């Protein structure tokens, strides 16, 4: 009890919630002969971090990247007991290996879908980094394929396995702040720079394959690796980067597939010849139940963490109800009244999917064949909410969305629906993994 109280105080959540988590932890330890073979595709910092996390439960038997430097670094990192993982530059070869049971996809966003599809078709399970897809159309195809092959796919939206976020959503779902009226989300601003000059392609980097389905352009380091997320050819800016986390949690609390009305305003225009994704913005969404969701960029220069705004808000989510509010972000949980969280929810209250370790949950589901905390459809629907915000920004129009049909309807629908899929440069279209 003293440990629970200490953990609760440090985490900013009530002791009763920690106790419930501990009592529900029934996961058994994996033995030395019960360790799946894991392949990492996309060996940058995020990918290697995911693989290092997965190494608690499986053996890293293969690493793959179009950048030879990344492959070399990953192979060195995951050499264990004198055994070095097999190295690849073409992920399709990875899928042929009978030693690989699980694929971790840690590439830039525009490669996620084809790699995940190839893995599922080859009978592998997938831990796929967020956002799950580049477009809504990719998500629809991926969900269908995963279901067809009865695969396990965990989206890397790890906040689904953070007790504070689950607690916030459970309290909102159970009316602890009264009727939910508004969800306010703050995301870090993106980068606004340029123009960028072409440079020689570094030795060891297959630039054509890195670009994949995206148009062929000259190399610049400002397009590659970390900075890809600020180009619409490869990502959706911070709306899909951090938004894939926070809009996912907001959707979890609201309990609906997605919003039905979307409008957006860009607050800064991209620099010609530079990053193409809008760096600062305001997006307003409305759900069928009347809940309004506002998504605002901060003016933070630390793009990877919560940086305080002048108003005292930080990168995170604030749920506004008729009887109070809850503020949640990584490492921080607050409520308008501490009594909102001190009192346990009733036994018959709505309880959400409980996971306290995102990677462990994935490997548990690989064994049990149950759906994980951030199943493929969850990842798809949450990524779609982000894509809707990007489309509203790019069209500048007020849009109506039909979550059941997954298409825009009404005025401006024809223009907006053109953004649901993107032209894929050959040979890197769906036939590449057929």
Protein backbone atom coordinates (compact mmCIF):
# COMPACT_ATOMS: atom_id res chain seq x y z
CA UNK A 1 0.00 0.00 0.00
CA UNK A 2 2.87 2.38 0.81
CA UNK A 3 4.40 1.56 -2.60
CA UNK A 4 1.06 2.19 -4.33
CA UNK A 5 0.70 5.50 -2.55
CA UNK A 6 4.23 6.56 -3.52
CA UNK A 7 3.73 5.57 -7.15
CA UNK A 8 0.36 7.31 -7.23
CA UNK A 9 1.79 10.52 -5.80
CA UNK A 10 4.65 10.54 -8.30
CA UNK A 11 2.36 9.84 -11.23
CA UNK A 12 -0.38 12.22 -10.15
CA UNK A 13 -3.03 9.48 -10.18
CA UNK A 14 -5.05 8.04 -7.26
CA UNK A 15 -3.83 5.04 -5.26
CA UNK A 16 -6.99 3.03 -6.04
CA UNK A 17 -6.12 3.16 -9.73
CA UNK A 18 -2.55 1.92 -9.16
CA UNK A 19 -3.87 -0.89 -6.95
CA UNK A 20 -6.28 -2.00 -9.69
CA UNK A 21 -3.44 -2.04 -12.23
CA UNK A 22 -1.20 -4.16 -9.98
CA UNK A 23 -3.96 -6.64 -9.15
CA UNK A 24 -4.72 -7.08 -12.85
CA UNK A 25 -1.11 -7.81 -13.86
CA UNK A 26 -1.18 -11.52 -14.69
CA UNK A 27 1.37 -11.63 -17.52
CA UNK A 28 3.71 -14.60 -17.30
CA UNK A 29 7.44 -14.35 -18.00
CA UNK A 30 8.71 -15.58 -21.36
CA UNK A 31 11.14 -18.48 -21.21
CA UNK A 32 14.33 -18.84 -23.29
CA UNK A 33 12.50 -21.13 -25.77
CA UNK A 34 9.49 -18.86 -26.07
CA UNK A 35 11.10 -15.86 -27.70
CA UNK A 36 9.84 -14.86 -31.19
CA UNK A 37 12.27 -13.79 -33.87
CA UNK A 38 12.04 -10.04 -34.43
CA UNK A 39 13.02 -8.05 -37.50
CA UNK A 40 13.49 -4.28 -37.45
CA UNK A 41 12.71 -2.41 -40.67
CA UNK A 42 13.78 1.21 -40.37
CA UNK A 43 16.85 1.47 -38.16
CA UNK A 44 16.81 5.13 -37.15
CA UNK A 45 16.60 6.26 -33.56
CA UNK A 46 12.90 5.46 -33.09
CA UNK A 47 13.21 2.06 -34.73
CA UNK A 48 16.21 1.05 -32.68
CA UNK A 49 14.44 2.24 -29.56
CA UNK A 50 11.43 0.07 -30.37
CA UNK A 51 13.65 -2.91 -31.13
CA UNK A 52 15.55 -2.47 -27.88
CA UNK A 53 12.20 -2.48 -26.09
CA UNK A 54 11.09 -5.59 -28.01
CA UNK A 55 14.33 -7.38 -27.13
CA UNK A 56 12.87 -7.96 -23.66
CA UNK A 57 10.47 -10.46 -25.25
CA UNK A 58 12.07 -11.67 -28.48
CA UNK A 59 15.36 -12.05 -30.30
CA UNK A 60 16.40 -9.42 -32.86
CA UNK A 61 17.27 -11.67 -35.77
CA UNK A 62 17.24 -9.18 -38.68
CA UNK A 63 17.70 -5.47 -39.33
CA UNK A 64 16.86 -3.61 -42.53
CA UNK A 65 17.27 -0.07 -43.82
CA UNK A 66 17.98 1.73 -47.10
CA UNK A 67 20.77 3.61 -45.30
CA UNK A 68 23.79 1.34 -44.80
CA UNK A 69 24.97 3.44 -41.86
CA UNK A 70 21.74 2.73 -40.00
CA UNK A 71 21.94 -0.98 -40.76
CA UNK A 72 25.51 -1.12 -39.48
CA UNK A 73 24.60 0.70 -36.26
CA UNK A 74 21.60 -1.54 -35.63
CA UNK A 75 23.51 -4.75 -36.34
CA UNK A 76 26.18 -3.67 -33.87
CA UNK A 77 23.62 -2.68 -31.23
CA UNK A 78 21.73 -5.96 -31.41
CA UNK A 79 24.67 -8.35 -31.63
CA UNK A 80 24.26 -10.64 -28.65
CA UNK A 81 26.39 -13.51 -27.43
CA UNK A 82 28.49 -13.23 -30.58
CA UNK A 83 25.47 -13.57 -32.88
CA UNK A 84 24.81 -10.64 -35.25
CA UNK A 85 21.37 -10.09 -36.81
CA UNK A 86 21.05 -10.67 -40.55
CA UNK A 87 21.24 -7.40 -42.49
CA UNK A 88 19.06 -6.31 -45.41
CA UNK A 89 18.43 -3.27 -47.59
CA UNK A 90 15.19 -4.62 -49.15
CA UNK A 91 12.45 -5.30 -46.60
CA UNK A 92 10.81 -7.81 -48.94
CA UNK A 93 13.75 -10.15 -48.36
CA UNK A 94 13.17 -9.89 -44.61
CA UNK A 95 9.67 -11.26 -45.04
CA UNK A 96 11.06 -14.42 -46.69
CA UNK A 97 12.98 -15.41 -43.56
CA UNK A 98 11.39 -18.26 -41.55
CA UNK A 99 13.27 -16.98 -38.49
CA UNK A 100 11.19 -13.79 -38.42
CA UNK A 101 7.89 -13.98 -36.52
CA UNK A 102 7.46 -10.28 -35.76
CA UNK A 103 8.25 -7.13 -37.76
CA UNK A 104 8.83 -3.71 -36.21
CA UNK A 105 8.21 -0.92 -38.71
CA UNK A 106 10.19 2.17 -37.73
CA UNK A 107 10.53 3.91 -41.11
CA UNK A 108 9.30 7.37 -42.16
CA UNK A 109 5.50 7.53 -42.46
CA UNK A 110 5.25 7.12 -46.23
CA UNK A 111 6.73 3.60 -46.02
CA UNK A 112 4.65 2.30 -43.09
CA UNK A 113 1.77 0.83 -45.06
CA UNK A 114 3.66 -1.14 -47.71
CA UNK A 115 6.01 -2.68 -45.14
CA UNK A 116 3.13 -3.57 -42.81
CA UNK A 117 1.23 -5.10 -45.73
CA UNK A 118 4.22 -7.18 -46.80
CA UNK A 119 4.68 -8.46 -43.26
CA UNK A 120 1.02 -9.41 -42.85
CA UNK A 121 0.96 -11.18 -46.21
CA UNK A 122 4.05 -13.14 -45.16
CA UNK A 123 2.35 -14.36 -41.99
CA UNK A 124 4.18 -12.03 -39.59
CA UNK A 125 2.74 -9.93 -36.77
CA UNK A 126 3.54 -6.23 -36.71
CA UNK A 127 4.45 -3.48 -34.29
CA UNK A 128 3.99 -0.44 -36.55
CA UNK A 129 5.10 3.03 -35.62
CA UNK A 130 2.56 5.84 -35.62
CA UNK A 131 0.97 7.44 -37.52
CA UNK A 132 -0.05 4.10 -38.93
CA UNK A 133 -0.54 5.41 -42.47
CA UNK A 134 0.15 8.27 -44.86
CA UNK A 135 -3.46 8.45 -46.10
CA UNK A 136 -6.96 7.35 -45.18
CA UNK A 137 -7.07 4.99 -48.16
CA UNK A 138 -3.93 3.20 -46.96
CA UNK A 139 -5.57 2.65 -43.58
CA UNK A 140 -8.72 1.14 -45.05
CA UNK A 141 -6.65 -1.30 -47.11
CA UNK A 142 -4.45 -2.24 -44.16
CA UNK A 143 -7.35 -2.92 -41.80
CA UNK A 144 -8.93 -5.21 -44.38
CA UNK A 145 -5.67 -7.11 -44.92
CA UNK A 146 -4.94 -7.55 -41.21
CA UNK A 147 -8.43 -8.93 -40.62
CA UNK A 148 -8.17 -11.20 -43.65
CA UNK A 149 -4.94 -12.75 -42.37
CA UNK A 150 -5.92 -12.72 -38.66
CA UNK A 151 -2.69 -10.88 -37.92
CA UNK A 152 -1.82 -9.00 -34.73
CA UNK A 153 -0.89 -5.38 -35.39
CA UNK A 154 -0.07 -2.97 -32.58
CA UNK A 155 0.15 0.71 -33.47
CA UNK A 156 2.98 2.43 -31.61
CA UNK A 157 0.63 4.88 -29.86
CA UNK A 158 2.08 4.03 -26.48
CA UNK A 159 -0.10 6.48 -24.57
CA UNK A 160 -2.80 3.79 -24.82
CA UNK A 161 -0.67 1.85 -22.33
CA UNK A 162 -0.07 4.75 -19.95
CA UNK A 163 -2.34 4.50 -16.91
CA UNK A 164 -2.75 8.25 -16.59
CA UNK A 165 -4.22 8.57 -20.06
CA UNK A 166 -6.52 5.59 -19.52
CA UNK A 167 -7.65 7.02 -16.18
CA UNK A 168 -8.46 10.37 -17.80
CA UNK A 169 -10.50 8.67 -20.50
CA UNK A 170 -12.35 6.43 -18.03
CA UNK A 171 -13.24 9.39 -15.85
CA UNK A 172 -14.49 11.34 -18.85
CA UNK A 173 -16.45 8.35 -20.19
CA UNK A 174 -18.10 7.85 -16.78
CA UNK A 175 -19.22 11.45 -16.40
CA UNK A 176 -16.83 12.44 -13.64
CA UNK A 177 -16.51 15.95 -15.16
CA UNK A 178 -20.18 16.03 -16.13
CA UNK A 179 -21.15 16.16 -19.77
CA UNK A 180 -18.09 16.45 -21.99
CA UNK A 181 -18.31 19.72 -23.89
CA UNK A 182 -14.90 20.38 -25.39
CA UNK A 183 -11.51 18.78 -25.90
CA UNK A 184 -8.58 21.17 -26.26
CA UNK A 185 -5.37 19.71 -27.65
CA UNK A 186 -2.01 21.45 -27.86
CA UNK A 187 0.65 20.10 -30.24
CA UNK A 188 4.21 21.33 -30.74
CA UNK A 189 4.64 23.68 -33.68
CA UNK A 190 6.50 22.35 -36.68
CA UNK A 191 9.55 23.77 -38.41
CA UNK A 192 9.33 26.65 -40.89
CA UNK A 193 12.59 26.89 -42.84
CA UNK A 194 13.98 27.02 -46.37
CA UNK A 195 14.75 27.16 -49.17
CA UNK A 196 16.98 24.08 -49.21
CA UNK A 197 19.73 23.46 -51.75
CA UNK A 198 20.34 20.01 -53.28
CA UNK A 199 23.36 18.11 -52.02
CA UNK A 200 25.12 14.91 -53.11
CA UNK A 201 23.47 11.73 -51.84
CA UNK A 202 25.55 10.33 -48.97
CA UNK A 203 27.41 7.09 -49.59
CA UNK A 204 25.38 4.10 -48.53
CA UNK A 205 21.96 5.76 -48.87
CA UNK A 206 19.59 4.41 -51.55
CA UNK A 207 17.80 7.71 -52.18
CA UNK A 208 15.40 6.34 -54.80
CA UNK A 209 14.17 3.65 -52.44
CA UNK A 210 14.05 6.05 -49.48
CA UNK A 211 11.69 8.26 -51.51
CA UNK A 212 9.59 5.23 -52.40
CA UNK A 213 6.06 6.19 -53.42
CA UNK A 214 6.87 9.92 -53.15
CA UNK A 215 7.91 11.99 -56.19
CA UNK A 216 11.56 11.90 -57.27
CA UNK A 217 13.39 15.00 -56.02
CA UNK A 218 16.99 15.99 -55.35
CA UNK A 219 18.50 14.95 -52.05
CA UNK A 220 18.86 17.38 -49.17
CA UNK A 221 19.49 16.36 -45.56
CA UNK A 222 16.50 18.51 -44.61
CA UNK A 223 14.22 15.97 -46.32
CA UNK A 224 15.73 12.80 -44.95
CA UNK A 225 15.50 10.99 -41.61
CA UNK A 226 14.29 13.23 -38.74
CA UNK A 227 13.11 16.06 -40.96
CA UNK A 228 10.85 14.02 -43.28
CA UNK A 229 7.85 14.77 -41.05
CA UNK A 230 7.74 18.40 -42.21
CA UNK A 231 7.02 17.51 -45.84
CA UNK A 232 3.56 16.47 -47.01
CA UNK A 233 5.14 14.01 -49.44
CA UNK A 234 6.22 11.87 -46.50
CA UNK A 235 4.09 12.87 -43.51
CA UNK A 236 1.59 15.42 -42.22
CA UNK A 237 3.67 17.72 -40.05
CA UNK A 238 3.09 17.76 -36.31
CA UNK A 239 -0.64 17.23 -36.91
CA UNK A 240 0.10 13.57 -37.71
CA UNK A 241 3.31 13.31 -35.67
CA UNK A 242 2.24 14.36 -32.16
CA UNK A 243 -1.39 14.41 -33.23
CA UNK A 244 -1.30 10.64 -33.69
CA UNK A 245 -0.81 10.46 -29.91
CA UNK A 246 -3.11 13.14 -28.56
CA UNK A 247 -5.96 12.88 -31.09
CA UNK A 248 -5.95 9.16 -30.39
CA UNK A 249 -6.48 9.75 -26.67
CA UNK A 250 -9.16 12.36 -27.37
CA UNK A 251 -10.99 9.88 -29.60
CA UNK A 252 -10.69 7.24 -26.87
CA UNK A 253 -12.38 9.55 -24.37
CA UNK A 254 -15.11 10.72 -26.76
CA UNK A 255 -15.88 7.12 -27.73
CA UNK A 256 -16.75 7.74 -31.39
CA UNK A 257 -14.97 6.70 -34.59
CA UNK A 258 -14.16 10.26 -35.60
CA UNK A 259 -15.42 13.82 -36.05
CA UNK A 260 -18.06 14.81 -38.60
CA UNK A 261 -17.16 18.47 -39.13
CA UNK A 262 -13.66 19.85 -39.68
CA UNK A 263 -12.30 23.31 -40.41
CA UNK A 264 -8.79 24.68 -40.07
CA UNK A 265 -6.70 27.80 -40.38
CA UNK A 266 -2.98 27.98 -41.12
CA UNK A 267 -1.25 30.60 -38.98
CA UNK A 268 2.00 30.66 -40.97
CA UNK A 269 2.71 29.94 -44.63
CA UNK A 270 5.56 27.59 -45.59
CA UNK A 271 8.76 29.14 -46.91
CA UNK A 272 9.00 28.54 -50.70
CA UNK A 273 11.49 25.77 -51.41
CA UNK A 274 11.42 24.64 -47.77
CA UNK A 275 9.26 22.47 -45.56
CA UNK A 276 5.77 22.09 -47.04
CA UNK A 277 3.73 21.09 -43.96
CA UNK A 278 2.05 23.93 -42.09
CA UNK A 279 4.03 24.68 -38.94
CA UNK A 280 1.42 26.65 -36.99
CA UNK A 281 -2.32 26.11 -37.17
CA UNK A 282 -5.71 25.92 -35.52
CA UNK A 283 -8.09 23.05 -36.28
CA UNK A 284 -11.67 22.74 -35.09
CA UNK A 285 -13.52 19.43 -35.19
CA UNK A 286 -17.01 18.49 -34.07
CA UNK A 287 -18.31 15.02 -33.20
CA UNK A 288 -21.84 13.73 -33.75
CA UNK A 289 -22.53 14.01 -30.01
CA UNK A 290 -21.79 17.74 -30.08
CA UNK A 291 -18.31 17.59 -28.51
CA UNK A 292 -16.01 20.22 -30.02
CA UNK A 293 -12.31 19.41 -30.40
CA UNK A 294 -9.79 22.20 -30.87
CA UNK A 295 -6.26 21.39 -31.98
CA UNK A 296 -3.72 24.21 -31.67
CA UNK A 297 -0.01 24.35 -32.34
CA UNK A 298 2.22 25.79 -29.66
CA UNK A 299 4.94 28.28 -30.40
CA UNK A 300 7.51 25.95 -28.90
CA UNK A 301 10.97 25.55 -30.39
CA UNK A 302 11.45 22.19 -28.66
CA UNK A 303 9.63 20.04 -31.21
CA UNK A 304 9.95 16.79 -29.29
CA UNK A 305 8.64 17.74 -25.85
CA UNK A 306 6.00 19.71 -23.99
CA UNK A 307 7.13 23.31 -23.77
CA UNK A 308 5.12 25.77 -21.74
CA UNK A 309 3.00 28.33 -23.53
CA UNK A 310 2.57 31.88 -22.20
CA UNK A 311 -0.93 30.90 -21.01
CA UNK A 312 0.59 28.14 -18.88
CA UNK A 313 -0.64 25.30 -21.09
CA UNK A 314 1.66 22.58 -22.30
CA UNK A 315 1.70 19.96 -25.03
CA UNK A 316 -1.26 17.80 -24.02
CA UNK A 317 -5.03 17.47 -23.70
CA UNK A 318 -7.62 19.26 -21.61
CA UNK A 319 -11.10 17.75 -21.31
CA UNK A 320 -13.71 20.38 -20.46
CA UNK A 321 -16.97 19.16 -18.93
CA UNK A 322 -20.07 20.76 -17.49
CA UNK A 323 -18.80 20.08 -13.97
CA UNK A 324 -15.02 20.35 -14.24
CA UNK A 325 -11.93 19.65 -16.32
CA UNK A 326 -9.07 17.17 -16.57
CA UNK A 327 -5.63 18.01 -17.97
CA UNK A 328 -3.41 15.16 -19.14
CA UNK A 329 0.00 14.97 -20.76
CA UNK A 330 3.03 12.74 -20.35
CA UNK A 331 4.09 12.87 -16.74
CA UNK A 332 1.35 15.29 -15.69
CA UNK A 333 -2.27 14.78 -14.60
CA UNK A 334 -4.43 17.52 -13.09
CA UNK A 335 -8.11 18.11 -12.44
CA UNK A 336 -10.21 21.14 -11.57
CA UNK A 337 -11.03 19.43 -8.25
CA UNK A 338 -8.83 16.69 -6.72
CA UNK A 339 -11.98 14.92 -5.56
CA UNK A 340 -12.74 14.16 -9.21
CA UNK A 341 -10.07 11.47 -9.13
CA UNK A 342 -9.83 10.48 -5.47
CA UNK A 343 -13.11 8.59 -5.47
CA UNK A 344 -12.91 5.21 -7.24
CA UNK A 345 -15.22 4.60 -10.14
CA UNK A 346 -18.06 2.16 -9.33
CA UNK A 347 -17.68 -1.52 -10.08
CA UNK A 348 -20.23 -1.26 -12.88
CA UNK A 349 -18.48 1.75 -14.46
CA UNK A 350 -17.28 1.57 -18.04
CA UNK A 351 -13.68 0.36 -18.02
CA UNK A 352 -11.33 0.67 -20.96
CA UNK A 353 -8.73 -1.73 -22.36
CA UNK A 354 -6.07 -2.07 -19.67
CA UNK A 355 -2.42 -2.27 -20.69
CA UNK A 356 0.49 -1.00 -18.64
CA UNK A 357 3.28 -1.88 -21.07
CA UNK A 358 2.69 -1.30 -24.79
CA UNK A 359 5.35 -3.66 -26.12
CA UNK A 360 4.53 -6.36 -23.58
CA UNK A 361 0.88 -6.09 -24.54
CA UNK A 362 1.84 -6.63 -28.17
CA UNK A 363 3.85 -9.79 -27.44
CA UNK A 364 1.12 -11.09 -25.14
CA UNK A 365 -1.29 -10.74 -28.04
CA UNK A 366 1.15 -12.41 -30.44
CA UNK A 367 0.81 -15.48 -28.20
CA UNK A 368 -2.89 -15.22 -27.37
CA UNK A 369 -4.05 -13.93 -30.80
CA UNK A 370 -6.21 -11.34 -29.07
CA UNK A 371 -6.38 -7.76 -30.32
CA UNK A 372 -3.84 -5.40 -28.74
CA UNK A 373 -4.41 -2.07 -27.01
CA UNK A 374 -3.83 -0.07 -30.21
CA UNK A 375 -5.18 -2.53 -32.75
CA UNK A 376 -4.95 -1.78 -36.48
CA UNK A 377 -8.40 -0.20 -36.67
CA UNK A 378 -7.70 2.01 -33.68
CA UNK A 379 -4.47 3.13 -35.31
CA UNK A 380 -6.26 3.71 -38.61
CA UNK A 381 -9.14 5.72 -37.13
CA UNK A 382 -6.83 7.88 -35.03
CA UNK A 383 -4.49 8.49 -37.97
CA UNK A 384 -7.56 9.34 -40.07
CA UNK A 385 -8.59 12.04 -37.58
CA UNK A 386 -5.14 13.59 -38.08
CA UNK A 387 -5.39 13.27 -41.86
CA UNK A 388 -8.76 15.08 -41.76
CA UNK A 389 -7.11 18.01 -39.98
CA UNK A 390 -4.33 18.12 -42.58
CA UNK A 391 -6.84 18.00 -45.44
CA UNK A 392 -8.82 20.87 -43.91
CA UNK A 393 -5.60 22.87 -43.64
CA UNK A 394 -4.58 22.14 -47.23
CA UNK A 395 -7.99 22.88 -48.75
CA UNK A 396 -8.85 25.81 -46.49
CA UNK A 397 -12.48 24.64 -46.59
CA UNK A 398 -15.03 23.71 -43.95
CA UNK A 399 -15.61 20.00 -44.48
CA UNK A 400 -18.13 17.33 -43.52
CA UNK A 401 -16.99 13.76 -42.91
CA UNK A 402 -18.98 10.53 -42.86
CA UNK A 403 -17.14 8.20 -40.42
CA UNK A 404 -19.14 5.16 -41.56
CA UNK A 405 -18.40 5.61 -45.28
CA UNK A 406 -14.96 7.15 -44.56
CA UNK A 407 -15.39 9.90 -47.12
CA UNK A 408 -16.22 13.58 -47.28
CA UNK A 409 -19.79 14.55 -48.07
CA UNK A 410 -21.61 17.76 -48.91
CA UNK A 411 -20.02 20.99 -50.09
CA UNK A 412 -16.32 20.75 -51.07
CA UNK A 413 -16.46 16.93 -50.83
CA UNK A 414 -15.03 16.35 -54.32
CA UNK A 415 -11.98 18.52 -53.63
CA UNK A 416 -11.34 17.03 -50.19
CA UNK A 417 -11.83 13.40 -51.27
CA UNK A 418 -8.91 13.78 -53.68
CA UNK A 419 -6.64 13.89 -50.63
CA UNK A 420 -7.82 10.54 -49.25
CA UNK A 421 -5.24 8.76 -51.39
CA UNK A 422 -2.02 9.95 -53.03
CA UNK A 423 -0.51 8.99 -56.33
CA UNK A 424 2.21 6.41 -55.71
CA UNK A 425 5.37 6.57 -57.82
CA UNK A 426 6.07 3.29 -59.56
CA UNK A 427 7.33 0.74 -58.81
CA UNK A 428 6.58 1.66 -55.19
CA UNK A 429 2.80 1.22 -55.32
CA UNK A 430 0.72 -1.62 -53.89
CA UNK A 431 2.06 -4.00 -56.53
CA UNK A 432 5.49 -3.66 -54.92
CA UNK A 433 4.36 -5.99 -52.14
CA UNK A 434 1.87 -8.15 -54.05
